[in-house]
C-alpha atoms as a PDB file:
ATOM      1  CA  MET A   1      24.152 -14.862 -10.315  1.00  0.00           C
ATOM      2  CA  GLY A   2      24.715 -11.707  -8.318  1.00  0.00           C
ATOM      3  CA  LYS A   3      23.008 -10.661  -5.104  1.00  0.00           C
ATOM      4  CA  MET A   4      20.540  -7.919  -4.328  1.00  0.00           C
ATOM      5  CA  ARG A   5      18.475  -6.565  -1.429  1.00  0.00           C
ATOM      6  CA  ALA A   6      14.694  -6.978  -1.508  1.00  0.00           C
ATOM      7  CA  VAL A   7      11.836  -6.159   0.826  1.00  0.00           C
ATOM      8  CA  VAL A   8       9.878  -9.282   1.875  1.00  0.00           C
ATOM      9  CA  ILE A   9       6.517  -9.241   3.654  1.00  0.00           C
ATOM     10  CA  ALA A  10       6.510 -12.536   5.490  1.00  0.00           C
ATOM     11  CA  GLY A  11       3.264 -12.124   7.434  1.00  0.00           C
ATOM     12  CA  PRO A  12       0.939  -9.499   8.856  1.00  0.00           C
ATOM     13  CA  ARG A  13       3.083  -6.405   9.532  1.00  0.00           C
ATOM     14  CA  LYS A  14       6.321  -8.432   9.172  1.00  0.00           C
ATOM     15  CA  VAL A  15       8.683  -6.568   6.866  1.00  0.00           C
ATOM     16  CA  ALA A  16      12.254  -7.605   6.345  1.00  0.00           C
ATOM     17  CA  VAL A  17      15.037  -6.518   3.990  1.00  0.00           C
ATOM     18  CA  VAL A  18      16.704  -9.748   2.781  1.00  0.00           C
ATOM     19  CA  GLU A  19      19.512 -10.702   0.407  1.00  0.00           C
ATOM     20  CA  ARG A  20      18.376 -12.614  -2.708  1.00  0.00           C
ATOM     21  CA  GLY A  21      19.760 -13.618  -6.014  1.00  0.00           C
ATOM     22  CA  VAL A  22      19.307 -11.124  -8.865  1.00  0.00           C
ATOM     23  CA  PRO A  23      16.571 -12.484 -11.215  1.00  0.00           C
ATOM     24  CA  GLU A  24      17.799 -14.088 -14.365  1.00  0.00           C
ATOM     25  CA  VAL A  25      16.196 -12.835 -17.531  1.00  0.00           C
ATOM     26  CA  ARG A  26      15.258 -14.728 -20.646  1.00  0.00           C
ATOM     27  CA  GLU A  27      14.487 -13.584 -24.123  1.00  0.00           C
ATOM     28  CA  GLY A  28      11.577 -11.103 -24.115  1.00  0.00           C
ATOM     29  CA  GLU A  29      12.355 -10.029 -20.519  1.00  0.00           C
ATOM     30  CA  ALA A  30      14.271  -7.109 -19.039  1.00  0.00           C
ATOM     31  CA  LEU A  31      16.025  -6.606 -15.756  1.00  0.00           C
ATOM     32  CA  VAL A  32      15.211  -3.142 -14.289  1.00  0.00           C
ATOM     33  CA  ALA A  33      17.315  -1.501 -11.657  1.00  0.00           C
ATOM     34  CA  VAL A  34      14.606   0.068  -9.496  1.00  0.00           C
ATOM     35  CA  LYS A  35      15.077   3.767  -8.679  1.00  0.00           C
ATOM     36  CA  ALA A  36      11.685   4.521  -6.943  1.00  0.00           C
ATOM     37  CA  CYS A  37       8.799   2.337  -5.842  1.00  0.00           C
ATOM     38  CA  GLY A  38       5.492   3.599  -4.323  1.00  0.00           C
ATOM     39  CA  ILE A  39       3.514   1.986  -1.588  1.00  0.00           C
ATOM     40  CA  CYS A  40      -0.060   1.424  -2.851  1.00  0.00           C
ATOM     41  CA  GLY A  41      -3.235   0.495  -1.086  1.00  0.00           C
ATOM     42  CA  SER A  42      -2.966  -3.064  -2.345  1.00  0.00           C
ATOM     43  CA  ASP A  43       0.575  -3.262  -0.912  1.00  0.00           C
ATOM     44  CA  LEU A  44      -0.993  -2.308   2.431  1.00  0.00           C
ATOM     45  CA  LEU A  45      -3.426  -5.193   2.096  1.00  0.00           C
ATOM     46  CA  ILE A  46      -0.454  -7.517   1.761  1.00  0.00           C
ATOM     47  CA  TYR A  47       1.206  -5.809   4.723  1.00  0.00           C
ATOM     48  CA  ARG A  48      -1.919  -6.335   6.861  1.00  0.00           C
ATOM     49  CA  GLY A  49      -2.173  -9.972   5.739  1.00  0.00           C
ATOM     50  CA  VAL A  50      -5.630  -9.591   4.168  1.00  0.00           C
ATOM     51  CA  HIS A  51      -4.910  -9.501   0.387  1.00  0.00           C
ATOM     52  CA  PRO A  52      -7.069 -12.175  -1.212  1.00  0.00           C
ATOM     53  CA  PHE A  53      -4.454 -13.227  -3.772  1.00  0.00           C
ATOM     54  CA  VAL A  54      -1.351 -13.283  -1.666  1.00  0.00           C
ATOM     55  CA  LYS A  55      -0.371 -16.296   0.505  1.00  0.00           C
ATOM     56  CA  GLY A  56       2.978 -16.609   2.083  1.00  0.00           C
ATOM     57  CA  GLU A  57       5.999 -14.403   1.486  1.00  0.00           C
ATOM     58  CA  ARG A  58       5.952 -11.747  -1.187  1.00  0.00           C
ATOM     59  CA  VAL A  59       8.148  -8.979  -2.501  1.00  0.00           C
ATOM     60  CA  PRO A  60       5.573  -6.133  -2.951  1.00  0.00           C
ATOM     61  CA  GLY A  61       5.691  -3.207  -5.283  1.00  0.00           C
ATOM     62  CA  HIS A  62       4.068  -2.472  -8.634  1.00  0.00           C
ATOM     63  CA  GLU A  63       4.318   1.335  -8.867  1.00  0.00           C
ATOM     64  CA  PHE A  64       7.902   1.910  -9.932  1.00  0.00           C
ATOM     65  CA  SER A  65      10.473   3.435 -12.257  1.00  0.00           C
ATOM     66  CA  GLY A  66      14.066   2.565 -12.977  1.00  0.00           C
ATOM     67  CA  VAL A  67      16.757   1.948 -15.573  1.00  0.00           C
ATOM     68  CA  VAL A  68      17.016  -1.195 -17.753  1.00  0.00           C
ATOM     69  CA  ALA A  69      20.162  -3.055 -16.589  1.00  0.00           C
ATOM     70  CA  GLU A  70      19.838  -6.087 -18.833  1.00  0.00           C
ATOM     71  CA  GLY A  71      17.801  -7.035 -21.919  1.00  0.00           C
ATOM     72  CA  GLU A  72      16.099  -4.910 -24.527  1.00  0.00           C
ATOM     73  CA  LYS A  73      16.320  -1.098 -24.069  1.00  0.00           C
ATOM     74  CA  ARG A  74      19.408  -1.422 -21.904  1.00  0.00           C
ATOM     75  CA  GLY A  75      20.311   1.890 -20.211  1.00  0.00           C
ATOM     76  CA  GLU A  76      16.919   3.411 -20.844  1.00  0.00           C
ATOM     77  CA  ARG A  77      14.883   5.133 -18.089  1.00  0.00           C
ATOM     78  CA  VAL A  78      11.588   3.252 -17.866  1.00  0.00           C
ATOM     79  CA  VAL A  79       8.333   2.611 -16.114  1.00  0.00           C
ATOM     80  CA  ALA A  80       6.564  -0.678 -16.388  1.00  0.00           C
ATOM     81  CA  GLU A  81       2.955  -1.733 -16.633  1.00  0.00           C
ATOM     82  CA  PRO A  82       2.741  -4.456 -13.930  1.00  0.00           C
ATOM     83  CA  LEU A  83      -0.101  -6.416 -15.393  1.00  0.00           C
ATOM     84  CA  ILE A  84       0.950  -9.802 -16.828  1.00  0.00           C
ATOM     85  CA  PRO A  85      -1.991 -11.107 -18.925  1.00  0.00           C
ATOM     86  CA  CYS A  86      -2.093 -14.614 -20.266  1.00  0.00           C
ATOM     87  CA  GLY A  87      -2.436 -13.501 -23.875  1.00  0.00           C
ATOM     88  CA  GLY A  88      -4.491 -16.482 -24.833  1.00  0.00           C
ATOM     89  CA  CYS A  89      -7.940 -16.149 -23.286  1.00  0.00           C
ATOM     90  CA  ASP A  90     -10.948 -14.793 -25.131  1.00  0.00           C
ATOM     91  CA  LEU A  91     -10.585 -11.414 -23.445  1.00  0.00           C
ATOM     92  CA  CYS A  92      -6.882 -11.030 -24.100  1.00  0.00           C
ATOM     93  CA  ARG A  93      -7.559 -11.906 -27.821  1.00  0.00           C
ATOM     94  CA  ARG A  94     -10.028  -9.002 -27.816  1.00  0.00           C
ATOM     95  CA  GLY A  95      -7.354  -6.725 -26.368  1.00  0.00           C
ATOM     96  CA  GLU A  96      -9.147  -6.402 -23.049  1.00  0.00           C
ATOM     97  CA  TYR A  97      -6.137  -7.613 -21.085  1.00  0.00           C
ATOM     98  CA  ASN A  98      -7.059  -5.747 -17.839  1.00  0.00           C
ATOM     99  CA  VAL A  99      -9.871  -8.317 -17.325  1.00  0.00           C
ATOM    100  CA  CYS A 100      -7.771 -11.289 -18.469  1.00  0.00           C
ATOM    101  CA  ARG A 101      -9.188 -14.523 -17.023  1.00  0.00           C
ATOM    102  CA  ARG A 102      -5.689 -15.532 -15.747  1.00  0.00           C
ATOM    103  CA  LEU A 103      -4.302 -12.101 -15.061  1.00  0.00           C
ATOM    104  CA  MET A 104      -1.253 -11.843 -12.798  1.00  0.00           C
ATOM    105  CA  VAL A 105       0.122  -8.672 -11.306  1.00  0.00           C
ATOM    106  CA  LEU A 106       3.702  -7.896 -10.385  1.00  0.00           C
ATOM    107  CA  GLY A 107       4.009  -7.582  -6.638  1.00  0.00           C
ATOM    108  CA  VAL A 108       0.879  -9.535  -6.096  1.00  0.00           C
ATOM    109  CA  HIS A 109       0.938 -12.927  -7.847  1.00  0.00           C
ATOM    110  CA  VAL A 110       4.741 -12.768  -8.454  1.00  0.00           C
ATOM    111  CA  ASP A 111       7.463 -10.872  -6.659  1.00  0.00           C
ATOM    112  CA  GLY A 112       7.470  -7.109  -7.317  1.00  0.00           C
ATOM    113  CA  ALA A 113       9.644  -4.053  -7.506  1.00  0.00           C
ATOM    114  CA  MET A 114      10.468  -3.257  -3.895  1.00  0.00           C
ATOM    115  CA  ALA A 115      13.969  -4.493  -4.491  1.00  0.00           C
ATOM    116  CA  GLU A 116      17.167  -3.372  -6.120  1.00  0.00           C
ATOM    117  CA  TYR A 117      16.215  -5.254  -9.293  1.00  0.00           C
ATOM    118  CA  VAL A 118      13.001  -6.584 -10.807  1.00  0.00           C
ATOM    119  CA  LYS A 119      12.330  -8.788 -13.838  1.00  0.00           C
ATOM    120  CA  VAL A 120       9.598  -7.664 -16.197  1.00  0.00           C
ATOM    121  CA  PRO A 121       8.374  -8.602 -19.690  1.00  0.00           C
ATOM    122  CA  SER A 122      10.008  -6.215 -22.169  1.00  0.00           C
ATOM    123  CA  SER A 123       6.612  -5.611 -23.804  1.00  0.00           C
ATOM    124  CA  ARG A 124       5.431  -3.957 -20.554  1.00  0.00           C
ATOM    125  CA  LEU A 125       8.081  -1.205 -20.555  1.00  0.00           C
ATOM    126  CA  TYR A 126       7.571   2.400 -21.444  1.00  0.00           C
ATOM    127  CA  ARG A 127      10.190   5.069 -21.811  1.00  0.00           C
ATOM    128  CA  LEU A 128      10.199   7.647 -18.955  1.00  0.00           C
ATOM    129  CA  PRO A 129      10.425  11.137 -20.471  1.00  0.00           C
ATOM    130  CA  SER A 130      13.668  12.967 -19.721  1.00  0.00           C
ATOM    131  CA  GLY A 131      11.917  15.771 -17.818  1.00  0.00           C
ATOM    132  CA  VAL A 132      10.101  13.415 -15.489  1.00  0.00           C
ATOM    133  CA  SER A 133      11.950  12.305 -12.344  1.00  0.00           C
ATOM    134  CA  PHE A 134      12.107   8.735 -11.110  1.00  0.00           C
ATOM    135  CA  GLU A 135       9.864   9.638  -8.159  1.00  0.00           C
ATOM    136  CA  GLU A 136       7.231  11.100 -10.516  1.00  0.00           C
ATOM    137  CA  GLY A 137       7.686   8.065 -12.706  1.00  0.00           C
ATOM    138  CA  ALA A 138       6.689   5.784  -9.788  1.00  0.00           C
ATOM    139  CA  LEU A 139       3.263   7.481  -9.931  1.00  0.00           C
ATOM    140  CA  VAL A 140       2.645   6.754 -13.638  1.00  0.00           C
ATOM    141  CA  GLU A 141       0.874   3.481 -12.673  1.00  0.00           C
ATOM    142  CA  PRO A 142      -1.750   5.081 -10.352  1.00  0.00           C
ATOM    143  CA  LEU A 143      -2.081   7.947 -12.848  1.00  0.00           C
ATOM    144  CA  ALA A 144      -2.955   5.359 -15.525  1.00  0.00           C
ATOM    145  CA  VAL A 145      -5.655   4.019 -13.154  1.00  0.00           C
ATOM    146  CA  ALA A 146      -7.058   7.562 -12.952  1.00  0.00           C
ATOM    147  CA  VAL A 147      -6.959   7.949 -16.703  1.00  0.00           C
ATOM    148  CA  HIS A 148      -8.901   4.744 -17.069  1.00  0.00           C
ATOM    149  CA  ILE A 149     -11.488   5.941 -14.488  1.00  0.00           C
ATOM    150  CA  VAL A 150     -12.131   9.126 -16.368  1.00  0.00           C
ATOM    151  CA  ARG A 151     -12.445   7.275 -19.654  1.00  0.00           C
ATOM    152  CA  ARG A 152     -14.832   4.780 -18.143  1.00  0.00           C
ATOM    153  CA  ALA A 153     -16.902   7.654 -16.689  1.00  0.00           C
ATOM    154  CA  GLY A 154     -17.054   9.427 -20.028  1.00  0.00           C
ATOM    155  CA  VAL A 155     -16.179  12.747 -18.375  1.00  0.00           C
ATOM    156  CA  GLY A 156     -16.495  15.556 -20.890  1.00  0.00           C
ATOM    157  CA  LEU A 157     -16.628  19.282 -21.268  1.00  0.00           C
ATOM    158  CA  GLY A 158     -18.797  21.033 -18.734  1.00  0.00           C
ATOM    159  CA  ASP A 159     -19.447  17.926 -16.569  1.00  0.00           C
ATOM    160  CA  SER A 160     -19.779  18.104 -12.815  1.00  0.00           C
ATOM    161  CA  VAL A 161     -17.938  15.423 -10.875  1.00  0.00           C
ATOM    162  CA  LEU A 162     -18.018  14.214  -7.295  1.00  0.00           C
ATOM    163  CA  ILE A 163     -14.980  12.167  -6.174  1.00  0.00           C
ATOM    164  CA  LEU A 164     -15.528  10.167  -2.988  1.00  0.00           C
ATOM    165  CA  GLY A 165     -12.132   9.663  -1.431  1.00  0.00           C
ATOM    166  CA  ALA A 166      -9.075  11.949  -1.616  1.00  0.00           C
ATOM    167  CA  GLY A 167      -6.380   9.332  -1.624  1.00  0.00           C
ATOM    168  CA  PRO A 168      -3.836   9.178  -4.482  1.00  0.00           C
ATOM    169  CA  ILE A 169      -6.321   7.709  -6.938  1.00  0.00           C
ATOM    170  CA  GLY A 170      -9.037  10.267  -6.097  1.00  0.00           C
ATOM    171  CA  LEU A 171      -6.542  13.178  -6.330  1.00  0.00           C
ATOM    172  CA  LEU A 172      -5.156  11.949  -9.618  1.00  0.00           C
ATOM    173  CA  THR A 173      -8.700  11.417 -11.020  1.00  0.00           C
ATOM    174  CA  LEU A 174      -9.545  14.976 -10.021  1.00  0.00           C
ATOM    175  CA  GLN A 175      -6.670  16.334 -12.096  1.00  0.00           C
ATOM    176  CA  VAL A 176      -7.392  14.118 -15.131  1.00  0.00           C
ATOM    177  CA  ALA A 177     -11.091  15.009 -15.023  1.00  0.00           C
ATOM    178  CA  ARG A 178     -10.122  18.723 -14.995  1.00  0.00           C
ATOM    179  CA  ALA A 179      -7.787  18.120 -17.942  1.00  0.00           C
ATOM    180  CA  VAL A 180     -10.576  16.728 -20.131  1.00  0.00           C
ATOM    181  CA  GLY A 181     -12.895  19.612 -19.313  1.00  0.00           C
ATOM    182  CA  ALA A 182     -14.892  18.909 -16.190  1.00  0.00           C
ATOM    183  CA  GLU A 183     -16.357  22.172 -15.037  1.00  0.00           C
ATOM    184  CA  ARG A 184     -17.117  21.675 -11.333  1.00  0.00           C
ATOM    185  CA  ILE A 185     -15.342  19.017  -9.247  1.00  0.00           C
ATOM    186  CA  TYR A 186     -16.281  18.195  -5.643  1.00  0.00           C
ATOM    187  CA  VAL A 187     -14.107  15.991  -3.428  1.00  0.00           C
ATOM    188  CA  SER A 188     -14.976  14.350  -0.140  1.00  0.00           C
ATOM    189  CA  ASP A 189     -12.855  12.594   2.500  1.00  0.00           C
ATOM    190  CA  VAL A 190     -12.659  12.170   6.290  1.00  0.00           C
ATOM    191  CA  LEU A 191      -9.092  13.462   6.567  1.00  0.00           C
ATOM    192  CA  GLU A 192      -8.524  17.232   6.607  1.00  0.00           C
ATOM    193  CA  TYR A 193      -4.996  17.060   5.195  1.00  0.00           C
ATOM    194  CA  ARG A 194      -6.182  15.164   2.118  1.00  0.00           C
ATOM    195  CA  LEU A 195      -8.898  17.717   1.511  1.00  0.00           C
ATOM    196  CA  ARG A 196      -6.293  20.450   1.735  1.00  0.00           C
ATOM    197  CA  ILE A 197      -4.239  18.751  -0.974  1.00  0.00           C
ATOM    198  CA  ALA A 198      -7.405  18.335  -3.062  1.00  0.00           C
ATOM    199  CA  GLU A 199      -7.909  22.108  -2.973  1.00  0.00           C
ATOM    200  CA  GLU A 200      -4.292  22.631  -3.903  1.00  0.00           C
ATOM    201  CA  VAL A 201      -4.551  20.430  -7.079  1.00  0.00           C
ATOM    202  CA  GLY A 202      -7.844  22.021  -8.239  1.00  0.00           C
ATOM    203  CA  ALA A 203     -10.947  20.920  -6.378  1.00  0.00           C
ATOM    204  CA  ASP A 204     -13.738  23.486  -6.588  1.00  0.00           C
ATOM    205  CA  HIS A 205     -15.252  22.420  -3.251  1.00  0.00           C
ATOM    206  CA  VAL A 206     -14.218  19.937  -0.568  1.00  0.00           C
ATOM    207  CA  ILE A 207     -16.464  18.156   1.856  1.00  0.00           C
ATOM    208  CA  ASP A 208     -15.447  16.703   5.186  1.00  0.00           C
ATOM    209  CA  ALA A 209     -17.319  13.422   5.215  1.00  0.00           C
ATOM    210  CA  SER A 210     -16.730  13.011   8.933  1.00  0.00           C
ATOM    211  CA  ARG A 211     -18.802  16.093   9.640  1.00  0.00           C
ATOM    212  CA  GLU A 212     -21.132  16.663   6.700  1.00  0.00           C
ATOM    213  CA  ASP A 213     -23.750  14.791   4.692  1.00  0.00           C
ATOM    214  CA  VAL A 214     -21.743  14.522   1.431  1.00  0.00           C
ATOM    215  CA  ALA A 215     -24.741  13.963  -0.905  1.00  0.00           C
ATOM    216  CA  GLY A 216     -26.811  16.558   0.871  1.00  0.00           C
ATOM    217  CA  GLU A 217     -24.002  19.151   0.472  1.00  0.00           C
ATOM    218  CA  VAL A 218     -23.601  18.322  -3.210  1.00  0.00           C
ATOM    219  CA  LEU A 219     -27.333  18.579  -3.868  1.00  0.00           C
ATOM    220  CA  SER A 220     -27.329  21.943  -2.098  1.00  0.00           C
ATOM    221  CA  LEU A 221     -24.372  23.156  -4.167  1.00  0.00           C
ATOM    222  CA  THR A 222     -25.996  22.098  -7.441  1.00  0.00           C
ATOM    223  CA  GLY A 223     -29.430  23.465  -6.749  1.00  0.00           C
ATOM    224  CA  GLY A 224     -30.865  19.945  -6.188  1.00  0.00           C
ATOM    225  CA  ARG A 225     -29.696  18.825  -9.641  1.00  0.00           C
ATOM    226  CA  GLY A 226     -26.921  16.461  -8.655  1.00  0.00           C
ATOM    227  CA  VAL A 227     -23.728  15.739 -10.497  1.00  0.00           C
ATOM    228  CA  ASP A 228     -23.086  14.132 -13.877  1.00  0.00           C
ATOM    229  CA  VAL A 229     -20.438  11.723 -12.596  1.00  0.00           C
ATOM    230  CA  VAL A 230     -19.658  10.229  -9.213  1.00  0.00           C
ATOM    231  CA  VAL A 231     -16.351   8.429  -8.703  1.00  0.00           C
ATOM    232  CA  GLU A 232     -16.250   6.001  -5.761  1.00  0.00           C
ATOM    233  CA  ALA A 233     -12.514   5.945  -4.961  1.00  0.00           C
ATOM    234  CA  ALA A 234     -12.725   5.288  -1.243  1.00  0.00           C
ATOM    235  CA  GLY A 235     -13.668   1.590  -1.125  1.00  0.00           C
ATOM    236  CA  ALA A 236     -15.733   2.456   1.946  1.00  0.00           C
ATOM    237  CA  ARG A 237     -19.023   0.787   2.760  1.00  0.00           C
ATOM    238  CA  GLY A 238     -20.961   3.960   3.452  1.00  0.00           C
ATOM    239  CA  THR A 239     -20.121   5.714   0.124  1.00  0.00           C
ATOM    240  CA  TRP A 240     -22.420   3.794  -2.178  1.00  0.00           C
ATOM    241  CA  GLN A 241     -25.656   5.363  -0.999  1.00  0.00           C
ATOM    242  CA  GLN A 242     -24.019   8.773  -1.050  1.00  0.00           C
ATOM    243  CA  ALA A 243     -23.081   8.142  -4.649  1.00  0.00           C
ATOM    244  CA  VAL A 244     -26.669   7.153  -5.639  1.00  0.00           C
ATOM    245  CA  ARG A 245     -28.072  10.219  -3.854  1.00  0.00           C
ATOM    246  CA  ALA A 246     -25.616  12.682  -5.334  1.00  0.00           C
ATOM    247  CA  ALA A 247     -25.855  11.566  -8.969  1.00  0.00           C
ATOM    248  CA  ARG A 248     -28.315  13.277 -11.239  1.00  0.00           C
ATOM    249  CA  PRO A 249     -30.881  11.269 -13.188  1.00  0.00           C
ATOM    250  CA  HIS A 250     -29.057   9.422 -15.983  1.00  0.00           C
ATOM    251  CA  GLY A 251     -25.799  10.069 -14.089  1.00  0.00           C
ATOM    252  CA  ARG A 252     -22.784   7.790 -14.119  1.00  0.00           C
ATOM    253  CA  ILE A 253     -21.327   6.174 -10.971  1.00  0.00           C
ATOM    254  CA  VAL A 254     -17.855   4.736 -11.491  1.00  0.00           C
ATOM    255  CA  VAL A 255     -16.702   2.265  -8.868  1.00  0.00           C
ATOM    256  CA  ALA A 256     -12.921   2.237  -8.555  1.00  0.00           C
ATOM    257  CA  GLY A 257     -12.331   1.600  -4.860  1.00  0.00           C
ATOM    258  CA  PHE A 258     -11.556  -2.094  -4.130  1.00  0.00           C
ATOM    259  CA  SER A 259     -13.366  -3.365  -1.074  1.00  0.00           C
ATOM    260  CA  GLY A 260     -14.217  -6.831   0.150  1.00  0.00           C
ATOM    261  CA  SER A 261     -17.218  -5.554   2.081  1.00  0.00           C
ATOM    262  CA  SER A 262     -20.768  -5.528   0.843  1.00  0.00           C
ATOM    263  CA  ALA A 263     -22.670  -2.297   0.335  1.00  0.00           C
ATOM    264  CA  GLU A 264     -26.334  -1.345   0.693  1.00  0.00           C
ATOM    265  CA  VAL A 265     -27.912   0.462  -2.267  1.00  0.00           C
ATOM    266  CA  ARG A 266     -31.509   1.521  -2.741  1.00  0.00           C
ATOM    267  CA  VAL A 267     -32.143  -0.252  -6.008  1.00  0.00           C
ATOM    268  CA  SER A 268     -35.376   1.678  -6.417  1.00  0.00           C
ATOM    269  CA  GLU A 269     -33.405   4.925  -6.619  1.00  0.00           C
ATOM    270  CA  VAL A 270     -31.000   3.500  -9.163  1.00  0.00           C
ATOM    271  CA  VAL A 271     -34.007   2.461 -11.271  1.00  0.00           C
ATOM    272  CA  ALA A 272     -35.965   5.652 -10.812  1.00  0.00           C
ATOM    273  CA  LYS A 273     -32.957   7.824 -11.821  1.00  0.00           C
ATOM    274  CA  GLU A 274     -31.807   5.346 -14.545  1.00  0.00           C
ATOM    275  CA  LEU A 275     -28.286   5.528 -13.208  1.00  0.00           C
ATOM    276  CA  TYR A 276     -25.350   3.903 -14.959  1.00  0.00           C
ATOM    277  CA  ILE A 277     -23.102   1.959 -12.535  1.00  0.00           C
ATOM    278  CA  ILE A 278     -19.697   1.273 -14.066  1.00  0.00           C
ATOM    279  CA  GLY A 279     -16.762  -0.703 -12.766  1.00  0.00           C
ATOM    280  CA  SER A 280     -13.185   0.447 -13.501  1.00  0.00           C
ATOM    281  CA  ARG A 281     -10.272  -2.032 -13.103  1.00  0.00           C
ATOM    282  CA  VAL A 282      -6.730  -0.789 -13.309  1.00  0.00           C
ATOM    283  CA  TYR A 283      -6.060   0.302 -16.929  1.00  0.00           C
ATOM    284  CA  TRP A 284      -6.280  -0.720 -20.552  1.00  0.00           C
ATOM    285  CA  HIS A 285      -3.829   1.028 -22.987  1.00  0.00           C
ATOM    286  CA  ASP A 286      -3.771   4.051 -20.616  1.00  0.00           C
ATOM    287  CA  PHE A 287      -0.058   4.293 -19.821  1.00  0.00           C
ATOM    288  CA  PRO A 288       0.905   6.356 -22.871  1.00  0.00           C
ATOM    289  CA  THR A 289      -1.771   9.005 -21.939  1.00  0.00           C
ATOM    290  CA  ALA A 290      -0.528   9.012 -18.320  1.00  0.00           C
ATOM    291  CA  LEU A 291       3.060   9.599 -19.486  1.00  0.00           C
ATOM    292  CA  LYS A 292       1.959  12.504 -21.766  1.00  0.00           C
ATOM    293  CA  LEU A 293       0.069  14.113 -18.939  1.00  0.00           C
ATOM    294  CA  LEU A 294       3.197  14.058 -16.826  1.00  0.00           C
ATOM    295  CA  GLU A 295       5.559  15.115 -19.622  1.00  0.00           C
ATOM    296  CA  ARG A 296       3.402  18.107 -20.394  1.00  0.00           C
ATOM    297  CA  ASN A 297       2.960  19.103 -16.718  1.00  0.00           C
ATOM    298  CA  ILE A 298      -0.809  18.772 -16.978  1.00  0.00           C
ATOM    299  CA  VAL A 299      -1.018  16.663 -13.850  1.00  0.00           C
ATOM    300  CA  ASN A 300       1.014  17.388 -10.649  1.00  0.00           C
ATOM    301  CA  VAL A 301       2.089  14.193  -8.930  1.00  0.00           C
ATOM    302  CA  ARG A 302       4.691  15.852  -6.757  1.00  0.00           C
ATOM    303  CA  LYS A 303       1.978  17.255  -4.440  1.00  0.00           C
ATOM    304  CA  LEU A 304       1.057  13.646  -3.581  1.00  0.00           C
ATOM    305  CA  ILE A 305       4.511  12.499  -2.510  1.00  0.00           C
ATOM    306  CA  THR A 306       4.844  13.148   1.214  1.00  0.00           C
ATOM    307  CA  HIS A 307       7.497  10.660   2.366  1.00  0.00           C
ATOM    308  CA  ARG A 308      10.630   9.012   1.090  1.00  0.00           C
ATOM    309  CA  PHE A 309      12.556   6.147   2.617  1.00  0.00           C
ATOM    310  CA  PRO A 310      15.616   4.107   1.574  1.00  0.00           C
ATOM    311  CA  LEU A 311      15.136   0.449   1.036  1.00  0.00           C
ATOM    312  CA  GLY A 312      16.697  -0.405   4.376  1.00  0.00           C
ATOM    313  CA  ASP A 313      13.936   1.590   6.158  1.00  0.00           C
ATOM    314  CA  ALA A 314      11.098  -0.242   4.371  1.00  0.00           C
ATOM    315  CA  ALA A 315       9.519  -1.410   7.672  1.00  0.00           C
ATOM    316  CA  ARG A 316       9.162   2.169   8.783  1.00  0.00           C
ATOM    317  CA  ALA A 317       7.908   3.177   5.365  1.00  0.00           C
ATOM    318  CA  PHE A 318       5.035   0.674   5.593  1.00  0.00           C
ATOM    319  CA  GLU A 319       4.195   1.745   9.146  1.00  0.00           C
ATOM    320  CA  VAL A 320       3.930   5.405   8.147  1.00  0.00           C
ATOM    321  CA  ALA A 321       1.786   4.537   5.087  1.00  0.00           C
ATOM    322  CA  ASP A 322      -0.433   2.077   7.043  1.00  0.00           C
ATOM    323  CA  LYS A 323      -1.051   4.327   9.999  1.00  0.00           C
ATOM    324  CA  ARG A 324      -1.095   7.504   7.913  1.00  0.00           C
ATOM    325  CA  LEU A 325       1.515   9.005  10.219  1.00  0.00           C
ATOM    326  CA  GLU A 326       2.720  12.586   9.644  1.00  0.00           C
ATOM    327  CA  ASP A 327      -0.121  13.219   7.166  1.00  0.00           C
ATOM    328  CA  ALA A 328       1.229  10.505   4.884  1.00  0.00           C
ATOM    329  CA  LEU A 329      -0.298  10.271   1.373  1.00  0.00           C
ATOM    330  CA  LYS A 330       2.157   8.676  -1.069  1.00  0.00           C
ATOM    331  CA  VAL A 331       5.135   7.000   0.434  1.00  0.00           C
ATOM    332  CA  ILE A 332       8.110   6.280  -1.833  1.00  0.00           C
ATOM    333  CA  VAL A 333      10.833   3.701  -1.220  1.00  0.00           C
ATOM    334  CA  THR A 334      14.133   4.255  -3.099  1.00  0.00           C
ATOM    335  CA  PRO A 335      16.144   1.031  -3.570  1.00  0.00           C
ATOM    336  CA  SER A 336      19.092   2.834  -5.174  1.00  0.00           C
END
């Protein structure tokens, strides 16, 4: 068995690049030589030592692209869906594998792709179109999350949408919502540089949540009507009530931001407005759509990539992403 370098998070803010054996693959598995791997919000939870499903050392990374080095599709440029469902529970049998009762995720429950090689089930691989770079391919996974959010929200022609949070998921959701016909899209965040990027990728109006009452501004802009859809992509405690206030009667609120904190909501307002509150968890058959959006240049992921680091500088990459240094948005690590 050969050797490879891998990033290991050994404790809160303890990042090391170590030498490990290259994973051995069995039938139905593929060994992927990783070319680009993004740092996601859940990777930062591992980095901070607060991820609920990670105990002990872990190789992070689930947003990645590469080339198949061994197994089926050898030599092919690929991305991989990092969900590993059990395949046998009642939900998996219904095809609802994103809510599998024994779901595992690459880079969370098992070692991930922030390494020179990663082992994945062959069934989770998708061909990366020739016109899409490896760096862009690393953002197929969060783009699939955005596709799922828009589908769950039922965004359609002429809809108005408020996106709370202009991180990568919020900015990708903005572009997917536009692609399916949303007419007016409002985006809020507390960071000016993120709002600037939101404008660059198509937001009609941005709101600085550190200075303005987001719901009040949206109600003013819509003549008191409110918006058809609110996407909570910030995972922040204070955004729930903003979402309820900003949504029109019979509006849809999609909750996509993971947060361990509780949130206060005026239930009376939810009832009075007959609001729909919808959860959105990762993706469910959404990778093919995400790949088509990239291949056809409908979504611009390049605007989101602000930093690139070689594998050996992974500690600095995590520090930049965690502290949002130098206006960091999406940080990419390149193992090879």
